[in-house]
C-alpha cells in the first residue's frame, strides 16, 4: 500500500513538475539565482544515491558554485560578495544513510556540506520519534536488534573529520522550539551545542530549526550560546540583507523523481503546490455551501 501510494504520488507530482519545467518557470528561477549576489540554499534529509547524484550533476551543469557554511557566514556578516550562482547544501537529522548514500559522493566531488545533528538522538538509541508513533520516546531506551535511524556518536566523530563536512546543531531531541518554554529552548540549544563541541572539538556556529518552525524567542538563546546562523525552511534565496537567524532553504524530499527535485532546487515547487492546495480548499468550501451543485449529501 505504501509503495503504491508513493508511485501514484510521484507520477502525479512528476507530471506537475514537467509542466512547470515546460512553462519556463524553472529556467526563470534559475536565472534569478545568478543575479543580484544571492545564494541558493538547498537541504535534504536522506535522498537516495541516484537522486543526490543527479541533483549535484544538474547544479554543476548549470554553473552553480558550491560554498561552505563558513563562506555563507562571510556573506551574512561581512557583506562578502558570493560567487555567481552560489549554492549551499545541508542535510538535516543525521540519518544513518549519510554513510552509504551521501558522504561517499560528497567526498568524491569535494562538495562542502553542513550536517544538522540532534545530539540526544545520536547519543541515545538513534530512533527518530516521528517514525515510531507520536508518543514520547526515551532516547536512551534499548532497542531490539540494534536498529537505528541516526548515526552513532562514533560515526559522527568520523564524519566530522572529513574536510567537506561542517557540523551544526538541530537541538537535543529534534524538539520544535515553538512548542517549548523559554527554559526548554535554552536547554535544547545550549546542551546540543555543548555536546556536539565535546565530541568533535570544533566550535558549533550553525543551527537548523526542526521542521523549520520558529517564533523569534530563539534569537536571544542563539546569541547567548554563540550561534552565528539559524536555518529555516522558508522558500527564498539568501542575500546579504538576510537575517542570519532566518536563513531560508529550499527543500528536496527524499524519494521523489528528478523533475520534482529540479523544481525544488530553484524554489518553484512550493508556490505551485501551495496554489493548488489553496484552490482545493476554496473548492471544498464552495461545495459545502452548495451541496446540491457538488452532489454532496448530508
C-alpha atoms as a PDB file:
ATOM      1  CA  UNK A   1       0.000   0.000   0.000  1.00  0.00           C
ATOM      2  CA  UNK A   2       2.752   2.429   0.951  1.00  0.00           C
ATOM      3  CA  UNK A   3       4.703   1.675  -2.219  1.00  0.00           C
ATOM      4  CA  UNK A   4       1.586   2.061  -4.359  1.00  0.00           C
ATOM      5  CA  UNK A   5       0.886   5.450  -2.802  1.00  0.00           C
ATOM      6  CA  UNK A   6       4.452   6.583  -3.464  1.00  0.00           C
ATOM      7  CA  UNK A   7       4.253   5.576  -7.115  1.00  0.00           C
ATOM      8  CA  UNK A   8       0.910   7.362  -7.551  1.00  0.00           C
ATOM      9  CA  UNK A   9       2.194  10.415  -5.713  1.00  0.00           C
ATOM     10  CA  UNK A  10       5.392  10.574  -7.766  1.00  0.00           C
ATOM     11  CA  UNK A  11       3.511  10.123 -11.048  1.00  0.00           C
ATOM     12  CA  UNK A  12       1.162  12.999 -10.246  1.00  0.00           C
ATOM     13  CA  UNK A  13       3.911  15.258  -8.921  1.00  0.00           C
ATOM     14  CA  UNK A  14       6.202  14.314 -11.789  1.00  0.00           C
ATOM     15  CA  UNK A  15       3.614  15.460 -14.305  1.00  0.00           C
ATOM     16  CA  UNK A  16       3.165  18.735 -12.457  1.00  0.00           C
ATOM     17  CA  UNK A  17       6.936  19.211 -12.347  1.00  0.00           C
ATOM     18  CA  UNK A  18       7.260  18.589 -16.077  1.00  0.00           C
ATOM     19  CA  UNK A  19       4.571  21.200 -16.626  1.00  0.00           C
ATOM     20  CA  UNK A  20       6.478  23.736 -14.528  1.00  0.00           C
ATOM     21  CA  UNK A  21       9.652  22.978 -16.457  1.00  0.00           C
ATOM     22  CA  UNK A  22       7.903  23.271 -19.836  1.00  0.00           C
ATOM     23  CA  UNK A  23       6.338  26.583 -18.794  1.00  0.00           C
ATOM     24  CA  UNK A  24       9.785  28.123 -18.288  1.00  0.00           C
ATOM     25  CA  UNK A  25       9.394  28.689 -14.548  1.00  0.00           C
ATOM     26  CA  UNK A  26      12.427  26.603 -13.652  1.00  0.00           C
ATOM     27  CA  UNK A  27      14.559  28.409 -16.215  1.00  0.00           C
ATOM     28  CA  UNK A  28      13.460  31.848 -14.989  1.00  0.00           C
ATOM     29  CA  UNK A  29      14.004  30.903 -11.351  1.00  0.00           C
ATOM     30  CA  UNK A  30      17.463  29.553 -12.154  1.00  0.00           C
ATOM     31  CA  UNK A  31      18.294  32.827 -13.852  1.00  0.00           C
ATOM     32  CA  UNK A  32      17.393  34.719 -10.660  1.00  0.00           C
ATOM     33  CA  UNK A  33      19.898  32.556  -8.753  1.00  0.00           C
ATOM     34  CA  UNK A  34      22.666  34.057 -10.886  1.00  0.00           C
ATOM     35  CA  UNK A  35      21.646  37.694 -10.398  1.00  0.00           C
ATOM     36  CA  UNK A  36      21.910  40.132  -7.521  1.00  0.00           C
ATOM     37  CA  UNK A  37      24.608  38.479  -5.369  1.00  0.00           C
ATOM     38  CA  UNK A  38      22.322  35.805  -3.937  1.00  0.00           C
ATOM     39  CA  UNK A  39      22.889  32.334  -2.513  1.00  0.00           C
ATOM     40  CA  UNK A  40      20.695  29.298  -3.128  1.00  0.00           C
ATOM     41  CA  UNK A  41      20.394  27.085  -0.047  1.00  0.00           C
ATOM     42  CA  UNK A  42      19.139  23.534  -0.557  1.00  0.00           C
ATOM     43  CA  UNK A  43      18.558  20.944   2.121  1.00  0.00           C
ATOM     44  CA  UNK A  44      17.906  17.222   2.124  1.00  0.00           C
ATOM     45  CA  UNK A  45      17.310  14.523   4.716  1.00  0.00           C
ATOM     46  CA  UNK A  46      18.234  11.135   3.256  1.00  0.00           C
ATOM     47  CA  UNK A  47      17.959  11.212  -0.542  1.00  0.00           C
ATOM     48  CA  UNK A  48      18.808   8.027  -2.366  1.00  0.00           C
ATOM     49  CA  UNK A  49      22.211   7.940  -4.007  1.00  0.00           C
ATOM     50  CA  UNK A  50      20.886   8.293  -7.550  1.00  0.00           C
ATOM     51  CA  UNK A  51      18.705  11.302  -6.769  1.00  0.00           C
ATOM     52  CA  UNK A  52      21.501  13.153  -4.980  1.00  0.00           C
ATOM     53  CA  UNK A  53      23.940  12.405  -7.787  1.00  0.00           C
ATOM     54  CA  UNK A  54      21.532  13.789 -10.370  1.00  0.00           C
ATOM     55  CA  UNK A  55      20.915  16.920  -8.293  1.00  0.00           C
ATOM     56  CA  UNK A  56      24.644  17.590  -7.976  1.00  0.00           C
ATOM     57  CA  UNK A  57      25.207  16.868 -11.662  1.00  0.00           C
ATOM     58  CA  UNK A  58      22.416  19.294 -12.613  1.00  0.00           C
ATOM     59  CA  UNK A  59      23.775  22.051 -10.370  1.00  0.00           C
ATOM     60  CA  UNK A  60      27.240  21.619 -11.863  1.00  0.00           C
ATOM     61  CA  UNK A  61      25.893  21.541 -15.404  1.00  0.00           C
ATOM     62  CA  UNK A  62      24.240  24.921 -14.975  1.00  0.00           C
ATOM     63  CA  UNK A  63      27.256  26.573 -13.394  1.00  0.00           C
ATOM     64  CA  UNK A  64      26.390  26.696  -9.700  1.00  0.00           C
ATOM     65  CA  UNK A  65      29.301  27.205  -7.301  1.00  0.00           C
ATOM     66  CA  UNK A  66      29.212  25.178  -4.079  1.00  0.00           C
ATOM     67  CA  UNK A  67      30.053  27.111  -0.909  1.00  0.00           C
ATOM     68  CA  UNK A  68      30.521  26.100   2.724  1.00  0.00           C
ATOM     69  CA  UNK A  69      28.771  27.320   5.875  1.00  0.00           C
ATOM     70  CA  UNK A  70      31.868  29.424   6.595  1.00  0.00           C
ATOM     71  CA  UNK A  71      31.547  31.087   3.175  1.00  0.00           C
ATOM     72  CA  UNK A  72      27.881  31.802   3.839  1.00  0.00           C
ATOM     73  CA  UNK A  73      28.709  33.409   7.195  1.00  0.00           C
ATOM     74  CA  UNK A  74      31.163  35.686   5.386  1.00  0.00           C
ATOM     75  CA  UNK A  75      28.314  36.812   3.141  1.00  0.00           C
ATOM     76  CA  UNK A  76      25.887  37.353   6.022  1.00  0.00           C
ATOM     77  CA  UNK A  77      28.233  39.096   8.467  1.00  0.00           C
ATOM     78  CA  UNK A  78      30.944  40.734   6.374  1.00  0.00           C
ATOM     79  CA  UNK A  79      28.983  41.539   3.262  1.00  0.00           C
ATOM     80  CA  UNK A  80      31.269  39.426   1.128  1.00  0.00           C
ATOM     81  CA  UNK A  81      30.086  39.048  -2.444  1.00  0.00           C
ATOM     82  CA  UNK A  82      29.160  35.412  -3.056  1.00  0.00           C
ATOM     83  CA  UNK A  83      30.397  33.683  -6.188  1.00  0.00           C
ATOM     84  CA  UNK A  84      27.973  33.743  -9.089  1.00  0.00           C
ATOM     85  CA  UNK A  85      25.393  31.005  -8.683  1.00  0.00           C
ATOM     86  CA  UNK A  86      26.465  30.214  -5.122  1.00  0.00           C
ATOM     87  CA  UNK A  87      24.732  27.193  -3.599  1.00  0.00           C
ATOM     88  CA  UNK A  88      24.949  25.833  -0.038  1.00  0.00           C
ATOM     89  CA  UNK A  89      23.910  22.248   0.672  1.00  0.00           C
ATOM     90  CA  UNK A  90      22.813  20.895   4.045  1.00  0.00           C
ATOM     91  CA  UNK A  91      21.345  17.673   5.438  1.00  0.00           C
ATOM     92  CA  UNK A  92      19.075  17.532   8.475  1.00  0.00           C
ATOM     93  CA  UNK A  93      18.744  14.882  11.211  1.00  0.00           C
ATOM     94  CA  UNK A  94      21.984  12.905  10.887  1.00  0.00           C
ATOM     95  CA  UNK A  95      20.369   9.906   9.185  1.00  0.00           C
ATOM     96  CA  UNK A  96      22.423   6.714   9.087  1.00  0.00           C
ATOM     97  CA  UNK A  97      22.033   6.705   5.288  1.00  0.00           C
ATOM     98  CA  UNK A  98      24.565   9.531   5.187  1.00  0.00           C
ATOM     99  CA  UNK A  99      27.358   6.981   5.463  1.00  0.00           C
ATOM    100  CA  UNK A 100      26.476   4.886   2.434  1.00  0.00           C
ATOM    101  CA  UNK A 101      24.357   7.016   0.132  1.00  0.00           C
ATOM    102  CA  UNK A 102      25.543  10.570   0.623  1.00  0.00           C
ATOM    103  CA  UNK A 103      29.012  11.133   2.044  1.00  0.00           C
ATOM    104  CA  UNK A 104      30.919   8.929  -0.441  1.00  0.00           C
ATOM    105  CA  UNK A 105      29.554  11.102  -3.270  1.00  0.00           C
ATOM    106  CA  UNK A 106      30.205  14.310  -1.333  1.00  0.00           C
ATOM    107  CA  UNK A 107      33.805  13.274  -0.706  1.00  0.00           C
ATOM    108  CA  UNK A 108      34.345  12.187  -4.296  1.00  0.00           C
ATOM    109  CA  UNK A 109      33.086  15.518  -5.640  1.00  0.00           C
ATOM    110  CA  UNK A 110      34.688  17.536  -2.767  1.00  0.00           C
ATOM    111  CA  UNK A 111      31.473  19.496  -2.249  1.00  0.00           C
ATOM    112  CA  UNK A 112      31.147  21.265   1.137  1.00  0.00           C
ATOM    113  CA  UNK A 113      28.058  20.322   3.122  1.00  0.00           C
ATOM    114  CA  UNK A 114      26.585  21.049   6.552  1.00  0.00           C
ATOM    115  CA  UNK A 115      25.025  18.280   8.652  1.00  0.00           C
ATOM    116  CA  UNK A 116      22.481  19.385  11.267  1.00  0.00           C
ATOM    117  CA  UNK A 117      22.501  16.883  14.149  1.00  0.00           C
ATOM    118  CA  UNK A 118      20.007  16.248  17.002  1.00  0.00           C
ATOM    119  CA  UNK A 119      22.623  15.361  19.625  1.00  0.00           C
ATOM    120  CA  UNK A 120      20.375  13.471  22.052  1.00  0.00           C
ATOM    121  CA  UNK A 121      19.024  11.129  19.392  1.00  0.00           C
ATOM    122  CA  UNK A 122      22.527  10.363  18.125  1.00  0.00           C
ATOM    123  CA  UNK A 123      23.783   9.820  21.673  1.00  0.00           C
ATOM    124  CA  UNK A 124      20.762   7.717  22.613  1.00  0.00           C
ATOM    125  CA  UNK A 125      19.043   4.871  20.798  1.00  0.00           C
ATOM    126  CA  UNK A 126      19.161   6.589  17.418  1.00  0.00           C
ATOM    127  CA  UNK A 127      15.402   6.443  16.821  1.00  0.00           C
ATOM    128  CA  UNK A 128      13.569   9.334  15.184  1.00  0.00           C
ATOM    129  CA  UNK A 129      10.329   9.764  17.196  1.00  0.00           C
ATOM    130  CA  UNK A 130       8.319  10.840  14.159  1.00  0.00           C
ATOM    131  CA  UNK A 131       8.998   7.458  12.542  1.00  0.00           C
ATOM    132  CA  UNK A 132       7.830   5.461  15.554  1.00  0.00           C
ATOM    133  CA  UNK A 133       4.486   6.949  16.541  1.00  0.00           C
ATOM    134  CA  UNK A 134       3.572  10.301  18.044  1.00  0.00           C
ATOM    135  CA  UNK A 135       4.071   9.445  21.703  1.00  0.00           C
ATOM    136  CA  UNK A 136       7.113  10.328  23.804  1.00  0.00           C
ATOM    137  CA  UNK A 137      10.194   8.139  23.441  1.00  0.00           C
ATOM    138  CA  UNK A 138      13.085   7.527  25.772  1.00  0.00           C
ATOM    139  CA  UNK A 139      16.164   8.397  23.719  1.00  0.00           C
ATOM    140  CA  UNK A 140      18.271   6.159  25.948  1.00  0.00           C
ATOM    141  CA  UNK A 141      15.994   3.112  25.892  1.00  0.00           C
ATOM    142  CA  UNK A 142      17.472  -0.062  24.449  1.00  0.00           C
ATOM    143  CA  UNK A 143      16.099  -1.300  21.142  1.00  0.00           C
ATOM    144  CA  UNK A 144      15.814  -4.746  19.654  1.00  0.00           C
ATOM    145  CA  UNK A 145      18.469  -5.827  17.149  1.00  0.00           C
ATOM    146  CA  UNK A 146      20.304  -2.523  17.476  1.00  0.00           C
ATOM    147  CA  UNK A 147      18.184  -0.873  14.757  1.00  0.00           C
ATOM    148  CA  UNK A 148      18.811   2.858  14.457  1.00  0.00           C
ATOM    149  CA  UNK A 149      17.624   5.721  12.257  1.00  0.00           C
ATOM    150  CA  UNK A 150      20.563   8.010  13.066  1.00  0.00           C
ATOM    151  CA  UNK A 151      24.338   7.877  13.079  1.00  0.00           C
ATOM    152  CA  UNK A 152      26.121   6.731  16.217  1.00  0.00           C
ATOM    153  CA  UNK A 153      28.419   9.056  18.160  1.00  0.00           C
ATOM    154  CA  UNK A 154      31.461   7.189  16.826  1.00  0.00           C
ATOM    155  CA  UNK A 155      30.224   7.551  13.257  1.00  0.00           C
ATOM    156  CA  UNK A 156      29.525  11.236  13.743  1.00  0.00           C
ATOM    157  CA  UNK A 157      33.047  11.812  15.059  1.00  0.00           C
ATOM    158  CA  UNK A 158      34.430  10.088  11.986  1.00  0.00           C
ATOM    159  CA  UNK A 159      32.230  12.087   9.628  1.00  0.00           C
ATOM    160  CA  UNK A 160      33.092  15.376  11.346  1.00  0.00           C
ATOM    161  CA  UNK A 161      36.739  14.776  10.425  1.00  0.00           C
ATOM    162  CA  UNK A 162      36.007  14.926   6.695  1.00  0.00           C
ATOM    163  CA  UNK A 163      37.202  18.271   5.249  1.00  0.00           C
ATOM    164  CA  UNK A 164      33.966  18.672   3.267  1.00  0.00           C
ATOM    165  CA  UNK A 165      31.746  18.465   6.365  1.00  0.00           C
ATOM    166  CA  UNK A 166      30.583  21.149   8.800  1.00  0.00           C
ATOM    167  CA  UNK A 167      28.507  20.044  11.794  1.00  0.00           C
ATOM    168  CA  UNK A 168      25.585  22.121  13.057  1.00  0.00           C
ATOM    169  CA  UNK A 169      23.028  21.729  15.835  1.00  0.00           C
ATOM    170  CA  UNK A 170      19.455  20.517  15.369  1.00  0.00           C
ATOM    171  CA  UNK A 171      18.537  20.653  19.095  1.00  0.00           C
ATOM    172  CA  UNK A 172      18.958  17.732  21.501  1.00  0.00           C
ATOM    173  CA  UNK A 173      15.743  15.831  20.783  1.00  0.00           C
ATOM    174  CA  UNK A 174      14.595  17.366  17.493  1.00  0.00           C
ATOM    175  CA  UNK A 175      12.199  19.465  19.558  1.00  0.00           C
ATOM    176  CA  UNK A 176      10.084  22.036  17.743  1.00  0.00           C
ATOM    177  CA  UNK A 177      11.049  25.214  19.578  1.00  0.00           C
ATOM    178  CA  UNK A 178       7.682  26.932  19.097  1.00  0.00           C
ATOM    179  CA  UNK A 179       6.192  24.269  21.405  1.00  0.00           C
ATOM    180  CA  UNK A 180       8.694  24.882  24.225  1.00  0.00           C
ATOM    181  CA  UNK A 181       9.050  27.184  27.217  1.00  0.00           C
ATOM    182  CA  UNK A 182      11.989  29.562  27.283  1.00  0.00           C
ATOM    183  CA  UNK A 183      13.935  27.323  29.649  1.00  0.00           C
ATOM    184  CA  UNK A 184      13.427  24.303  27.451  1.00  0.00           C
ATOM    185  CA  UNK A 185      14.581  26.266  24.401  1.00  0.00           C
ATOM    186  CA  UNK A 186      17.705  27.224  26.358  1.00  0.00           C
ATOM    187  CA  UNK A 187      18.347  23.576  27.153  1.00  0.00           C
ATOM    188  CA  UNK A 188      17.757  22.281  23.624  1.00  0.00           C
ATOM    189  CA  UNK A 189      20.039  24.896  22.025  1.00  0.00           C
ATOM    190  CA  UNK A 190      22.681  25.062  24.737  1.00  0.00           C
ATOM    191  CA  UNK A 191      23.015  21.373  25.543  1.00  0.00           C
ATOM    192  CA  UNK A 192      23.115  20.352  21.898  1.00  0.00           C
ATOM    193  CA  UNK A 193      25.921  22.816  21.158  1.00  0.00           C
ATOM    194  CA  UNK A 194      27.896  21.797  24.232  1.00  0.00           C
ATOM    195  CA  UNK A 195      27.572  18.090  23.482  1.00  0.00           C
ATOM    196  CA  UNK A 196      28.489  18.371  19.809  1.00  0.00           C
ATOM    197  CA  UNK A 197      31.516  20.509  20.622  1.00  0.00           C
ATOM    198  CA  UNK A 198      32.685  17.970  23.198  1.00  0.00           C
ATOM    199  CA  UNK A 199      32.528  15.229  20.557  1.00  0.00           C
ATOM    200  CA  UNK A 200      34.167  16.934  17.609  1.00  0.00           C
ATOM    201  CA  UNK A 201      36.349  19.554  19.339  1.00  0.00           C
ATOM    202  CA  UNK A 202      35.151  22.272  16.981  1.00  0.00           C
ATOM    203  CA  UNK A 203      33.034  25.360  17.586  1.00  0.00           C
ATOM    204  CA  UNK A 204      29.389  24.833  16.558  1.00  0.00           C
ATOM    205  CA  UNK A 205      28.168  28.017  14.901  1.00  0.00           C
ATOM    206  CA  UNK A 206      25.168  26.859  12.850  1.00  0.00           C
ATOM    207  CA  UNK A 207      21.700  25.721  13.873  1.00  0.00           C
ATOM    208  CA  UNK A 208      18.637  24.479  11.965  1.00  0.00           C
ATOM    209  CA  UNK A 209      15.112  24.778  13.335  1.00  0.00           C
ATOM    210  CA  UNK A 210      13.428  21.340  13.470  1.00  0.00           C
ATOM    211  CA  UNK A 211      10.639  21.221  10.846  1.00  0.00           C
ATOM    212  CA  UNK A 212      11.503  24.851  10.120  1.00  0.00           C
ATOM    213  CA  UNK A 213       9.299  26.364  12.820  1.00  0.00           C
ATOM    214  CA  UNK A 214      10.389  29.342  14.913  1.00  0.00           C
ATOM    215  CA  UNK A 215       8.750  32.311  16.608  1.00  0.00           C
ATOM    216  CA  UNK A 216      11.630  34.670  17.395  1.00  0.00           C
ATOM    217  CA  UNK A 217      12.061  33.670  21.039  1.00  0.00           C
ATOM    218  CA  UNK A 218      15.006  31.573  19.913  1.00  0.00           C
ATOM    219  CA  UNK A 219      17.080  34.623  18.905  1.00  0.00           C
ATOM    220  CA  UNK A 220      18.280  35.583  22.368  1.00  0.00           C
ATOM    221  CA  UNK A 221      19.328  31.999  23.121  1.00  0.00           C
ATOM    222  CA  UNK A 222      21.040  31.621  19.771  1.00  0.00           C
ATOM    223  CA  UNK A 223      23.050  34.746  20.522  1.00  0.00           C
ATOM    224  CA  UNK A 224      23.697  33.683  24.121  1.00  0.00           C
ATOM    225  CA  UNK A 225      25.281  30.391  23.041  1.00  0.00           C
ATOM    226  CA  UNK A 226      27.263  31.861  20.172  1.00  0.00           C
ATOM    227  CA  UNK A 227      25.344  30.545  17.208  1.00  0.00           C
ATOM    228  CA  UNK A 228      26.025  32.689  14.164  1.00  0.00           C
ATOM    229  CA  UNK A 229      23.359  31.315  11.873  1.00  0.00           C
ATOM    230  CA  UNK A 230      19.985  29.544  12.079  1.00  0.00           C
ATOM    231  CA  UNK A 231      18.462  27.852   9.044  1.00  0.00           C
ATOM    232  CA  UNK A 232      14.731  27.763   8.336  1.00  0.00           C
ATOM    233  CA  UNK A 233      12.643  26.098   5.636  1.00  0.00           C
ATOM    234  CA  UNK A 234      11.424  29.371   4.167  1.00  0.00           C
ATOM    235  CA  UNK A 235      11.224  29.283   0.380  1.00  0.00           C
ATOM    236  CA  UNK A 236      13.534  32.104  -0.719  1.00  0.00           C
ATOM    237  CA  UNK A 237      17.029  32.995  -1.865  1.00  0.00           C
ATOM    238  CA  UNK A 238      19.642  34.333   0.563  1.00  0.00           C
ATOM    239  CA  UNK A 239      21.138  37.782   0.102  1.00  0.00           C
ATOM    240  CA  UNK A 240      23.437  39.992   2.161  1.00  0.00           C
ATOM    241  CA  UNK A 241      20.437  41.512   3.968  1.00  0.00           C
ATOM    242  CA  UNK A 242      19.099  38.153   5.131  1.00  0.00           C
ATOM    243  CA  UNK A 243      18.682  37.844   8.893  1.00  0.00           C
ATOM    244  CA  UNK A 244      21.365  35.315   9.963  1.00  0.00           C
ATOM    245  CA  UNK A 245      18.815  33.716  12.310  1.00  0.00           C
ATOM    246  CA  UNK A 246      16.271  33.294   9.493  1.00  0.00           C
ATOM    247  CA  UNK A 247      18.274  31.786   6.666  1.00  0.00           C
ATOM    248  CA  UNK A 248      15.887  30.330   4.054  1.00  0.00           C
ATOM    249  CA  UNK A 249      16.431  26.957   2.377  1.00  0.00           C
ATOM    250  CA  UNK A 250      14.719  25.120  -0.463  1.00  0.00           C
ATOM    251  CA  UNK A 251      13.670  21.582   0.481  1.00  0.00           C
ATOM    252  CA  UNK A 252      14.242  18.479  -1.652  1.00  0.00           C
ATOM    253  CA  UNK A 253      12.229  15.486  -0.423  1.00  0.00           C
ATOM    254  CA  UNK A 254      13.745  12.006  -0.249  1.00  0.00           C
ATOM    255  CA  UNK A 255      12.045   9.581  -2.619  1.00  0.00           C
ATOM    256  CA  UNK A 256      10.915  11.863  -5.404  1.00  0.00           C
ATOM    257  CA  UNK A 257      11.560  11.893  -9.142  1.00  0.00           C
ATOM    258  CA  UNK A 258      14.205  14.187 -10.538  1.00  0.00           C
ATOM    259  CA  UNK A 259      11.898  16.678 -12.345  1.00  0.00           C
ATOM    260  CA  UNK A 260      10.280  17.459  -8.993  1.00  0.00           C
ATOM    261  CA  UNK A 261      13.724  17.827  -7.416  1.00  0.00           C
ATOM    262  CA  UNK A 262      14.646  20.362 -10.117  1.00  0.00           C
ATOM    263  CA  UNK A 263      11.588  22.420  -9.206  1.00  0.00           C
ATOM    264  CA  UNK A 264      12.509  22.128  -5.511  1.00  0.00           C
ATOM    265  CA  UNK A 265      16.092  23.312  -6.021  1.00  0.00           C
ATOM    266  CA  UNK A 266      15.086  26.590  -7.673  1.00  0.00           C
ATOM    267  CA  UNK A 267      12.143  27.281  -5.368  1.00  0.00           C
ATOM    268  CA  UNK A 268       9.195  26.986  -7.768  1.00  0.00           C
ATOM    269  CA  UNK A 269       7.722  23.774  -6.365  1.00  0.00           C
ATOM    270  CA  UNK A 270       6.272  25.018  -3.094  1.00  0.00           C
ATOM    271  CA  UNK A 271       4.498  28.060  -4.566  1.00  0.00           C
ATOM    272  CA  UNK A 272       2.896  25.789  -7.161  1.00  0.00           C
ATOM    273  CA  UNK A 273       1.762  23.255  -4.568  1.00  0.00           C
ATOM    274  CA  UNK A 274       0.520  25.986  -2.227  1.00  0.00           C
ATOM    275  CA  UNK A 275      -1.594  27.405  -5.061  1.00  0.00           C
ATOM    276  CA  UNK A 276      -3.149  24.003  -5.719  1.00  0.00           C
ATOM    277  CA  UNK A 277      -3.865  23.436  -2.024  1.00  0.00           C
ATOM    278  CA  UNK A 278      -5.493  26.878  -1.748  1.00  0.00           C
ATOM    279  CA  UNK A 279      -7.641  26.161  -4.806  1.00  0.00           C
ATOM    280  CA  UNK A 280      -8.774  22.790  -3.428  1.00  0.00           C
ATOM    281  CA  UNK A 281      -9.650  24.287  -0.049  1.00  0.00           C
ATOM    282  CA  UNK A 282     -11.707  27.011  -1.680  1.00  0.00           C
ATOM    283  CA  UNK A 283     -13.450  24.429  -3.851  1.00  0.00           C
ATOM    284  CA  UNK A 284     -14.394  22.404  -0.784  1.00  0.00           C
ATOM    285  CA  UNK A 285     -15.806  25.459   0.949  1.00  0.00           C
ATOM    286  CA  UNK A 286     -17.868  26.326  -2.109  1.00  0.00           C
ATOM    287  CA  UNK A 287     -19.074  22.726  -2.399  1.00  0.00           C
ATOM    288  CA  UNK A 288     -20.091  22.819   1.253  1.00  0.00           C
ATOM    289  CA  UNK A 289     -22.189  25.906   0.690  1.00  0.00           C
ATOM    290  CA  UNK A 290     -23.924  24.463  -2.399  1.00  0.00           C
ATOM    291  CA  UNK A 291     -24.326  20.718  -1.768  1.00  0.00           C
ATOM    292  CA  UNK A 292     -26.945  20.378  -4.485  1.00  0.00           C
ATOM    293  CA  UNK A 293     -24.338  21.533  -7.041  1.00  0.00           C
ATOM    294  CA  UNK A 294     -21.453  19.472  -5.716  1.00  0.00           C
ATOM    295  CA  UNK A 295     -23.550  16.326  -5.244  1.00  0.00           C
ATOM    296  CA  UNK A 296     -22.810  16.243  -1.529  1.00  0.00           C
ATOM    297  CA  UNK A 297     -25.470  14.811   0.768  1.00  0.00           C
ATOM    298  CA  UNK A 298     -25.963  15.045   4.472  1.00  0.00           C
END
